[in-house]
Amino acid sequence: MYQMASLMLLAATLLPLAASHSWASCVDCTDATCSGCRGFSRNWFTQPSIPFSQDLGWDRRPGKSVSEGGLFCDNTKQQFHANPADGYTATYPMARFTPGQEVIMQWPAKNHAMVGTQRGVQLFIGKGPGLGDDYSHVTSKDAWIAANPGLEVTFSNCVPNVPGVDGAPCYGTFTLPEDLQAGYYSMIWWWEFNEGEYYSTCFDANILADGVAPPPDNDPDVGDGDDTDECLPVNFATSSCGVPEEPGFDGMVFATPPSQLVGAASSAFDVQVKVNFNQPLYIVPEIWGPSGSDTFLGGGLGSAVLVGAGASTETISLTMDAEGVGSGVINLWTIAPADFSTDVADEPWLNELSRVVHVVTFGEELLQCSAVPDACVGSGGGEADGGGGSGGGGGKGAAKNVAAGVLVVCGVGLIVAGAYMLRGGGSKPVEKARAGKKGWRAGGKDASMI
């Protein structure tokens, strides 16, 4: 089964990341501080966040409200399986609940423990056991909570409960309805951050007969996921481009990026990125040294480009300001024009909206990524943009579609650990590098409109 050791061996492999606000990192904590987890989100095993707050694209944005049909699970990263157990493994099991149970869930603050207007976190439960991702019975968030008041909690029960701490764990205790029937239910963790900005996490739960205690943690029967599927990102070649995918709401993805850069200072290269912005946004490109380092190699605030609203493919030109050795990282992150500044004293990165990350190596020539196996490129069933339906089937075909969602941008692997992803708390090496002598580049070319 999927083991921690194999994850750590992949720390230097290529991985697409999309970073932003929050998601349910554990849907069944063993205690009030989530010292153990016995239930995870659907397909979590394909790309688990370690630590729990690491940005790996689990912050799914449905792009519309509950009443507008926002209660759906995409047919890529959180695709439904005909056999729900296919979305889980013994290491990352499916939750098991009883009717009326109090369930503790966890999510990362992502710098937003103090969210301003508190809109709460809601738990939505599918129409019935065995009916998949059918939420047609939910007409609005307000109506659902009026009928199920135990399914809403505050977002901000975080430790510490202060702004600017990326990895602060947040908790909520939901009380399940007493009238749930036995069987597999689809469920959705839901959070509205800013008005009209929604985040959701899909998971499955086996509702056991009333009075029947859940099984021991990590029961091997709660997951049948295939860790050996050739189309999981963990099993791709390290130079792989990944499965092609279109960007989601206000999202971006790399398009066939380089797997190796010329390491010499002053060497230049282009990166293509597909965007689908609902509003004009700045893209700030960065080149960093090895994962976890604070070695800044090029790009920065002065290299930001302003991209208009709509879907397009943009070319961003970058130059190495210092020599790259071994491996490195290309970061692209977005920020609204009202929050953007080239002055590091303004700390504009604290208003980052989303991010994609691509790990590269440095050598003597520029090399592009290689295509994934043909068998891993295809379309799948399921509702990608509606509120009903039960999604596609399970097995290897489903895993292919999971891989397509996992590979939000080109590259493979599961871990891109490192301080450049961790904001708030600790030594904050990213901010130090940006503002300090290591050369966070406020200069560079003028920020311009693509």
Protein backbone atom coordinates (compact mmCIF):
# COMPACT_ATOMS: atom_id res chain seq x y z
CA MET A 1 0.00 0.00 0.00
CA TYR A 2 0.89 3.63 -0.22
CA GLN A 3 3.71 4.18 2.29
CA MET A 4 5.29 7.28 3.76
CA ALA A 5 8.72 6.12 2.68
CA SER A 6 7.79 6.20 -0.97
CA LEU A 7 6.44 9.72 -0.54
CA MET A 8 9.67 11.02 0.88
CA LEU A 9 11.70 9.46 -1.92
CA LEU A 10 9.70 11.61 -4.30
CA ALA A 11 10.59 14.87 -2.63
CA ALA A 12 12.73 16.02 -5.53
CA THR A 13 10.46 14.92 -8.36
CA LEU A 14 8.47 17.24 -10.56
CA LEU A 15 5.08 18.23 -9.23
CA PRO A 16 2.32 20.61 -10.19
CA LEU A 17 0.87 22.51 -7.30
CA ALA A 18 -2.03 24.91 -7.07
CA ALA A 19 -2.02 26.83 -3.83
CA SER A 20 -4.65 28.97 -2.27
CA HIS A 21 -7.02 28.93 0.64
CA SER A 22 -8.37 25.88 2.47
CA TRP A 23 -9.71 22.34 2.33
CA ALA A 24 -10.69 19.52 4.67
CA SER A 25 -7.43 17.77 5.55
CA CYS A 26 -9.08 15.23 7.86
CA VAL A 27 -12.81 14.45 7.97
CA ASP A 28 -12.74 12.23 11.05
CA CYS A 29 -10.25 13.24 13.74
CA THR A 30 -9.67 10.90 16.63
CA ASP A 31 -9.73 13.76 19.16
CA ALA A 32 -10.15 17.51 19.57
CA THR A 33 -6.62 18.27 18.33
CA CYS A 34 -6.67 15.70 15.51
CA SER A 35 -3.70 13.74 16.83
CA GLY A 36 -4.92 10.94 14.57
CA CYS A 37 -7.10 10.77 11.47
CA ARG A 38 -9.38 7.87 10.53
CA GLY A 39 -11.12 9.46 7.53
CA PHE A 40 -9.79 11.41 4.52
CA SER A 41 -11.16 13.15 1.46
CA ARG A 42 -11.85 11.22 -1.70
CA ASN A 43 -8.70 10.16 -3.63
CA TRP A 44 -6.47 11.76 -0.97
CA PHE A 45 -4.03 8.86 -1.35
CA THR A 46 -3.19 9.99 -4.89
CA GLN A 47 -1.56 13.18 -3.58
CA PRO A 48 -1.65 13.52 0.22
CA SER A 49 -0.64 16.83 1.74
CA ILE A 50 2.27 16.24 4.13
CA PRO A 51 2.23 18.30 6.27
CA PHE A 52 -1.54 18.70 6.24
CA SER A 53 -1.36 22.37 5.18
CA GLN A 54 0.88 21.83 2.13
CA ASP A 55 -0.66 23.23 -1.04
CA LEU A 56 -1.26 20.43 -3.51
CA GLY A 57 -4.40 21.63 -5.25
CA TRP A 58 -7.00 20.36 -2.76
CA ASP A 59 -8.54 23.83 -2.49
CA ARG A 60 -11.21 23.10 -5.09
CA ARG A 61 -13.20 26.13 -6.27
CA PRO A 62 -16.67 25.27 -7.60
CA GLY A 63 -17.13 28.85 -8.81
CA LYS A 64 -20.80 29.13 -7.84
CA SER A 65 -23.01 29.09 -4.79
CA VAL A 66 -25.00 26.20 -3.34
CA SER A 67 -28.24 27.51 -4.82
CA GLU A 68 -26.54 27.92 -8.22
CA GLY A 69 -25.44 24.26 -8.36
CA GLY A 70 -22.07 24.54 -6.65
CA LEU A 71 -22.47 21.23 -4.81
CA PHE A 72 -20.62 18.91 -7.17
CA CYS A 73 -17.40 16.92 -7.13
CA ASP A 74 -15.14 17.45 -10.13
CA ASN A 75 -14.44 14.45 -12.35
CA THR A 76 -10.67 14.72 -11.94
CA LYS A 77 -9.06 15.13 -8.54
CA GLN A 78 -12.16 14.14 -6.54
CA GLN A 79 -13.85 11.89 -9.05
CA PHE A 80 -16.60 9.59 -7.78
CA HIS A 81 -16.02 5.83 -7.89
CA ALA A 82 -18.73 3.25 -8.51
CA ASN A 83 -17.14 1.40 -5.59
CA PRO A 84 -16.53 4.25 -3.12
CA ALA A 85 -13.72 2.27 -1.44
CA ASP A 86 -11.61 2.72 -4.61
CA GLY A 87 -11.01 6.31 -3.52
CA TYR A 88 -9.26 5.21 -0.32
CA THR A 89 -6.47 2.99 0.99
CA ALA A 90 -5.58 1.43 4.33
CA THR A 91 -3.22 4.35 4.97
CA TYR A 92 -5.80 6.95 3.95
CA PRO A 93 -9.13 5.30 4.79
CA MET A 94 -12.74 6.26 4.24
CA ALA A 95 -14.62 7.70 7.20
CA ARG A 96 -17.13 5.55 9.05
CA PHE A 97 -19.86 7.29 11.01
CA THR A 98 -23.02 6.45 12.95
CA PRO A 99 -26.25 8.50 12.84
CA GLY A 100 -26.16 11.39 15.30
CA GLN A 101 -22.40 11.13 15.80
CA GLU A 102 -20.33 14.21 16.65
CA VAL A 103 -17.58 14.36 14.02
CA ILE A 104 -14.42 16.46 14.40
CA MET A 105 -12.86 17.72 11.18
CA GLN A 106 -9.64 19.64 10.52
CA TRP A 107 -8.55 22.18 7.93
CA PRO A 108 -5.54 24.54 7.54
CA ALA A 109 -6.00 28.25 8.25
CA LYS A 110 -3.83 29.22 5.23
CA ASN A 111 -3.23 32.64 6.84
CA HIS A 112 -6.98 33.23 7.25
CA ALA A 113 -7.80 32.27 10.85
CA MET A 114 -9.24 35.77 11.18
CA VAL A 115 -11.44 35.82 8.11
CA GLY A 116 -13.25 39.11 8.67
CA THR A 117 -16.84 38.34 7.78
CA GLN A 118 -17.56 34.92 9.26
CA ARG A 119 -19.61 32.81 6.85
CA GLY A 120 -18.93 29.53 8.61
CA VAL A 121 -18.08 26.08 7.35
CA GLN A 122 -20.92 23.80 6.33
CA LEU A 123 -21.21 20.03 5.84
CA PHE A 124 -23.54 18.87 3.09
CA ILE A 125 -24.70 15.27 2.86
CA GLY A 126 -25.75 13.55 -0.37
CA LYS A 127 -29.35 12.62 -1.12
CA GLY A 128 -29.05 9.07 0.17
CA PRO A 129 -26.88 5.98 0.55
CA GLY A 130 -25.62 4.59 -2.73
CA LEU A 131 -26.78 7.62 -4.73
CA GLY A 132 -23.32 9.10 -5.34
CA ASP A 133 -22.81 12.83 -5.74
CA ASP A 134 -26.50 13.71 -5.91
CA TYR A 135 -27.24 16.92 -4.01
CA SER A 136 -30.43 17.81 -5.85
CA HIS A 137 -32.33 17.86 -2.53
CA VAL A 138 -30.32 20.88 -1.31
CA THR A 139 -31.94 24.12 -2.47
CA SER A 140 -29.78 26.64 -0.59
CA LYS A 141 -27.22 26.88 2.17
CA ASP A 142 -29.60 28.73 4.47
CA ALA A 143 -32.39 26.20 4.03
CA TRP A 144 -30.00 23.29 4.62
CA ILE A 145 -28.59 24.74 7.85
CA ALA A 146 -32.07 25.70 9.08
CA ALA A 147 -33.01 22.03 8.79
CA ASN A 148 -29.63 20.76 10.04
CA PRO A 149 -28.17 23.29 12.49
CA GLY A 150 -25.52 20.82 13.65
CA LEU A 151 -23.86 20.92 10.23
CA GLU A 152 -22.39 24.43 10.49
CA VAL A 153 -19.36 25.57 12.51
CA THR A 154 -17.05 28.59 12.57
CA PHE A 155 -14.03 28.55 10.26
CA SER A 156 -11.86 30.29 12.84
CA ASN A 157 -11.48 27.75 15.63
CA CYS A 158 -7.74 27.73 14.87
CA VAL A 159 -4.58 27.37 16.94
CA PRO A 160 -3.25 30.01 17.09
CA ASN A 161 -6.28 32.11 16.25
CA VAL A 162 -4.31 34.93 14.64
CA PRO A 163 -3.89 36.04 11.02
CA GLY A 164 -0.85 35.28 8.89
CA VAL A 165 -0.18 31.70 10.05
CA ASP A 166 -0.33 29.34 7.09
CA GLY A 167 -0.12 26.05 8.95
CA ALA A 168 -2.42 26.81 11.87
CA PRO A 169 -4.81 23.86 12.32
CA CYS A 170 -8.51 24.67 12.53
CA TYR A 171 -11.19 22.36 13.89
CA GLY A 172 -14.95 21.99 13.80
CA THR A 173 -17.34 19.53 15.43
CA PHE A 174 -20.34 18.63 13.28
CA THR A 175 -23.36 16.72 14.60
CA LEU A 176 -24.72 14.30 12.00
CA PRO A 177 -28.49 13.90 11.55
CA GLU A 178 -30.11 11.09 13.50
CA ASP A 179 -32.07 9.81 10.51
CA LEU A 180 -29.17 8.78 8.25
CA GLN A 181 -29.60 5.33 6.78
CA ALA A 182 -26.89 2.68 6.61
CA GLY A 183 -24.71 2.78 3.49
CA TYR A 184 -22.23 4.93 1.57
CA TYR A 185 -22.97 8.66 1.47
CA SER A 186 -21.24 11.40 -0.49
CA MET A 187 -20.46 14.47 1.63
CA ILE A 188 -19.05 17.94 0.92
CA TRP A 189 -17.10 20.24 3.25
CA TRP A 190 -17.96 23.81 2.17
CA TRP A 191 -16.46 27.22 2.97
CA GLU A 192 -17.20 30.65 1.55
CA PHE A 193 -14.17 32.86 2.18
CA ASN A 194 -14.79 36.22 0.56
CA GLU A 195 -18.30 36.81 -0.70
CA GLY A 196 -18.80 34.61 -3.75
CA GLU A 197 -15.45 32.80 -3.29
CA TYR A 198 -16.21 29.16 -2.50
CA TYR A 199 -14.05 26.18 -1.54
CA SER A 200 -15.19 22.59 -1.23
CA THR A 201 -13.84 19.13 -0.39
CA CYS A 202 -15.65 15.93 -1.36
CA PHE A 203 -15.45 12.72 0.64
CA ASP A 204 -17.38 9.53 1.25
CA ALA A 205 -18.54 8.02 4.52
CA ASN A 206 -19.88 4.61 5.36
CA ILE A 207 -22.83 5.16 7.69
CA LEU A 208 -23.07 2.19 10.02
CA ALA A 209 -26.19 0.99 11.78
CA ASP A 210 -27.08 3.04 14.85
CA GLY A 211 -25.16 1.81 17.88
CA VAL A 212 -22.47 0.00 15.90
CA ALA A 213 -19.04 1.36 16.82
CA PRO A 214 -16.66 2.36 14.01
CA PRO A 215 -13.87 -0.13 13.27
CA PRO A 216 -10.27 0.39 14.46
CA ASP A 217 -8.25 3.14 12.82
CA ASN A 218 -6.86 2.33 9.35
CA ASP A 219 -8.96 -0.82 8.97
CA PRO A 220 -7.68 -2.38 5.71
CA ASP A 221 -11.24 -2.97 4.52
CA VAL A 222 -12.06 0.73 4.22
CA GLY A 223 -9.93 1.30 1.11
CA ASP A 224 -9.43 -0.52 -2.18
CA GLY A 225 -7.49 2.19 -4.04
CA ASP A 226 -4.83 1.00 -6.50
CA ASP A 227 -1.45 2.44 -5.53
CA THR A 228 0.25 0.70 -8.47
CA ASP A 229 -1.82 2.36 -11.21
CA GLU A 230 0.57 3.57 -13.91
CA CYS A 231 -1.49 6.72 -14.24
CA LEU A 232 -0.98 7.97 -10.71
CA PRO A 233 1.53 10.84 -10.62
CA VAL A 234 3.70 8.97 -8.15
CA ASN A 235 4.35 6.38 -10.87
CA PHE A 236 5.22 8.76 -13.71
CA ALA A 237 8.77 9.40 -14.90
CA THR A 238 10.42 12.29 -13.10
CA SER A 239 10.66 14.31 -16.34
CA SER A 240 7.01 13.82 -17.24
CA CYS A 241 4.84 16.69 -18.45
CA GLY A 242 1.79 15.28 -16.70
CA VAL A 243 -1.71 14.76 -18.04
CA PRO A 244 -2.95 17.81 -19.99
CA GLU A 245 -5.68 19.73 -18.20
CA GLU A 246 -7.47 23.03 -18.51
CA PRO A 247 -7.27 25.56 -15.66
CA GLY A 248 -10.18 25.82 -13.27
CA PHE A 249 -11.96 28.88 -11.92
CA ASP A 250 -9.45 31.75 -11.56
CA GLY A 251 -6.78 29.10 -12.12
CA MET A 252 -3.65 28.51 -14.15
CA VAL A 253 -1.64 25.49 -15.25
CA PHE A 254 1.78 25.08 -16.80
CA ALA A 255 1.83 24.02 -20.45
CA THR A 256 4.76 21.67 -21.28
CA PRO A 257 7.34 23.44 -19.08
CA PRO A 258 11.05 22.66 -19.15
CA SER A 259 12.29 19.76 -17.06
CA GLN A 260 15.84 21.16 -17.06
CA LEU A 261 17.09 24.76 -17.16
CA VAL A 262 20.49 26.05 -18.14
CA GLY A 263 22.07 26.67 -14.77
CA ALA A 264 24.38 29.52 -15.83
CA ALA A 265 23.56 33.03 -14.66
CA SER A 266 21.98 35.27 -17.34
CA SER A 267 20.49 32.29 -19.21
CA ALA A 268 16.96 32.95 -20.38
CA PHE A 269 13.94 30.76 -21.02
CA ASP A 270 10.20 31.00 -21.62
CA VAL A 271 7.39 29.35 -19.67
CA GLN A 272 3.92 28.95 -21.11
CA VAL A 273 0.95 28.99 -18.78
CA LYS A 274 -2.76 28.44 -19.45
CA VAL A 275 -5.02 30.76 -17.48
CA ASN A 276 -8.75 31.08 -16.91
CA PHE A 277 -9.17 34.27 -14.92
CA ASN A 278 -12.48 35.70 -13.82
CA GLN A 279 -10.76 39.06 -13.33
CA PRO A 280 -7.48 40.70 -14.33
CA LEU A 281 -4.66 39.31 -12.18
CA TYR A 282 -0.93 39.75 -11.89
CA ILE A 283 1.21 36.64 -12.31
CA VAL A 284 4.45 36.87 -10.34
CA PRO A 285 7.12 34.47 -11.63
CA GLU A 286 9.96 33.30 -9.41
CA ILE A 287 12.96 30.97 -9.70
CA TRP A 288 14.25 29.44 -6.47
CA GLY A 289 16.95 27.01 -5.50
CA PRO A 290 16.34 23.52 -4.12
CA SER A 291 13.09 22.76 -2.35
CA GLY A 292 13.26 24.11 1.18
CA SER A 293 16.02 26.63 0.51
CA ASP A 294 15.82 30.43 0.49
CA THR A 295 18.11 30.82 -2.53
CA PHE A 296 16.45 33.26 -4.92
CA LEU A 297 17.59 32.85 -8.54
CA GLY A 298 15.45 35.19 -10.63
CA GLY A 299 12.13 36.81 -11.49
CA GLY A 300 10.17 38.39 -8.66
CA LEU A 301 7.83 41.33 -8.21
CA GLY A 302 9.55 43.38 -10.90
CA SER A 303 8.94 40.59 -13.39
CA ALA A 304 5.19 40.42 -12.75
CA VAL A 305 2.84 40.51 -15.71
CA LEU A 306 -0.78 41.61 -15.71
CA VAL A 307 -3.12 39.21 -17.49
CA GLY A 308 -6.67 40.16 -18.44
CA ALA A 309 -9.82 38.23 -17.64
CA GLY A 310 -10.67 35.20 -19.76
CA ALA A 311 -9.07 31.98 -20.97
CA SER A 312 -5.73 32.22 -22.77
CA THR A 313 -2.21 30.82 -23.04
CA GLU A 314 0.48 33.26 -21.99
CA THR A 315 4.26 33.20 -22.43
CA ILE A 316 6.37 34.45 -19.53
CA SER A 317 10.05 35.15 -20.12
CA LEU A 318 12.50 34.65 -17.26
CA THR A 319 16.24 35.14 -16.77
CA MET A 320 18.51 33.44 -14.26
CA ASP A 321 20.05 36.15 -12.05
CA ALA A 322 22.33 33.67 -10.31
CA GLU A 323 23.75 30.22 -11.03
CA GLY A 324 21.46 27.26 -10.44
CA VAL A 325 22.93 23.98 -9.22
CA GLY A 326 21.16 20.67 -8.72
CA SER A 327 17.43 21.23 -8.56
CA GLY A 328 15.22 24.27 -8.32
CA VAL A 329 11.66 25.53 -8.44
CA ILE A 330 9.65 27.71 -10.80
CA ASN A 331 6.83 29.45 -8.92
CA LEU A 332 3.98 31.36 -10.55
CA TRP A 333 1.56 33.03 -8.16
CA THR A 334 -1.34 35.40 -8.68
CA ILE A 335 -2.50 38.54 -6.94
CA ALA A 336 -5.25 41.08 -7.57
CA PRO A 337 -4.12 44.43 -9.03
CA ALA A 338 -5.46 46.30 -5.99
CA ASP A 339 -3.13 44.28 -3.74
CA PHE A 340 -0.06 44.26 -5.99
CA SER A 341 3.06 46.29 -5.29
CA THR A 342 6.71 46.08 -6.30
CA ASP A 343 7.69 47.39 -2.86
CA VAL A 344 8.70 44.48 -0.62
CA ALA A 345 7.77 46.57 2.42
CA ASP A 346 4.13 46.14 1.37
CA GLU A 347 4.51 42.33 1.57
CA PRO A 348 2.17 41.74 -1.39
CA TRP A 349 2.74 37.96 -1.18
CA LEU A 350 0.48 37.89 1.87
CA ASN A 351 -2.40 38.56 -0.55
CA GLU A 352 -1.49 35.70 -2.88
CA LEU A 353 -4.56 34.13 -4.48
CA SER A 354 -3.21 30.98 -6.10
CA ARG A 355 0.04 29.35 -7.10
CA VAL A 356 1.48 26.70 -9.36
CA VAL A 357 4.91 25.21 -8.73
CA HIS A 358 7.16 23.24 -11.04
CA VAL A 359 10.38 21.54 -9.93
CA VAL A 360 13.30 21.52 -12.38
CA THR A 361 16.92 20.48 -12.54
CA PHE A 362 19.84 22.63 -13.71
CA GLY A 363 22.29 21.54 -16.38
CA GLU A 364 24.08 22.68 -19.53
CA GLU A 365 21.08 22.66 -21.86
CA LEU A 366 17.38 23.48 -21.84
CA LEU A 367 15.22 20.34 -21.88
CA GLN A 368 11.45 20.11 -22.20
CA CYS A 369 9.30 17.64 -20.27
CA SER A 370 8.32 14.27 -21.75
CA ALA A 371 4.80 13.06 -22.49
CA VAL A 372 2.98 10.74 -20.09
CA PRO A 373 1.89 7.26 -21.28
CA ASP A 374 -0.89 7.43 -23.86
CA ALA A 375 -3.06 5.22 -21.67
CA CYS A 376 -3.16 7.95 -19.05
CA VAL A 377 -4.66 10.58 -21.34
CA GLY A 378 -8.43 10.40 -21.68
CA SER A 379 -11.73 11.72 -20.48
CA GLY A 380 -13.96 10.36 -17.80
CA GLY A 381 -17.54 10.43 -16.68
CA GLY A 382 -19.04 12.40 -13.87
CA GLU A 383 -20.49 15.82 -13.37
CA ALA A 384 -17.82 18.46 -13.76
CA ASP A 385 -20.06 21.49 -13.58
CA GLY A 386 -23.45 20.52 -12.23
CA GLY A 387 -25.12 19.72 -8.97
CA GLY A 388 -26.38 16.21 -9.63
CA GLY A 389 -25.24 12.92 -11.09
CA SER A 390 -23.18 10.16 -9.64
CA GLY A 391 -19.93 10.64 -11.54
CA GLY A 392 -17.84 8.10 -13.36
CA GLY A 393 -16.85 4.56 -12.56
CA GLY A 394 -14.01 3.20 -10.52
CA GLY A 395 -10.94 1.12 -11.30
CA LYS A 396 -8.05 2.09 -13.53
CA GLY A 397 -10.12 4.37 -15.74
CA ALA A 398 -11.11 6.36 -12.69
CA ALA A 399 -7.50 6.55 -11.59
CA LYS A 400 -6.57 8.01 -14.96
CA ASN A 401 -9.04 10.80 -14.40
CA VAL A 402 -7.79 11.29 -10.87
CA ALA A 403 -4.31 11.68 -12.31
CA ALA A 404 -5.59 14.30 -14.71
CA GLY A 405 -6.87 16.32 -11.81
CA VAL A 406 -3.80 15.75 -9.68
CA LEU A 407 -1.59 17.01 -12.47
CA VAL A 408 -2.91 20.52 -12.33
CA VAL A 409 0.28 21.65 -14.01
CA CYS A 410 3.07 19.71 -15.64
CA GLY A 411 5.44 17.60 -13.60
CA VAL A 412 5.14 14.60 -11.35
CA GLY A 413 5.77 13.45 -7.84
CA LEU A 414 3.97 14.02 -4.59
CA ILE A 415 6.14 16.13 -2.33
CA VAL A 416 7.54 19.55 -2.97
CA ALA A 417 8.27 20.28 0.63
CA GLY A 418 10.08 23.40 1.62
CA ALA A 419 9.85 26.73 3.24
CA TYR A 420 8.84 28.56 0.10
CA MET A 421 5.38 27.04 0.54
CA LEU A 422 5.05 27.78 4.26
CA ARG A 423 3.76 31.22 5.15
CA GLY A 424 3.40 32.69 8.58
CA GLY A 425 5.04 31.33 11.69
CA GLY A 426 8.57 29.98 11.98
CA SER A 427 11.40 31.76 10.26
CA LYS A 428 9.41 32.57 7.10
CA PRO A 429 12.43 32.13 4.80
CA VAL A 430 10.51 33.21 1.72
CA GLU A 431 9.77 36.62 3.11
CA LYS A 432 13.31 36.94 4.44
CA ALA A 433 14.76 36.10 1.06
CA ARG A 434 12.43 38.53 -0.65
CA ALA A 435 13.28 41.42 1.64
CA GLY A 436 16.86 40.53 2.60
CA LYS A 437 20.30 40.39 1.13
CA LYS A 438 19.65 37.12 -0.71
CA GLY A 439 18.05 39.25 -3.34
CA TRP A 440 14.28 39.11 -3.48
CA ARG A 441 14.04 40.99 -6.69
CA ALA A 442 11.85 44.04 -6.47
CA GLY A 443 13.51 45.27 -9.65
CA GLY A 444 13.68 43.36 -12.89
CA LYS A 445 11.57 44.40 -15.81
CA ASP A 446 8.63 46.67 -15.20
CA ALA A 447 5.35 44.97 -14.39
CA SER A 448 3.47 44.99 -17.66
CA MET A 449 0.23 43.90 -19.28
CA ILE A 450 0.42 40.76 -21.38
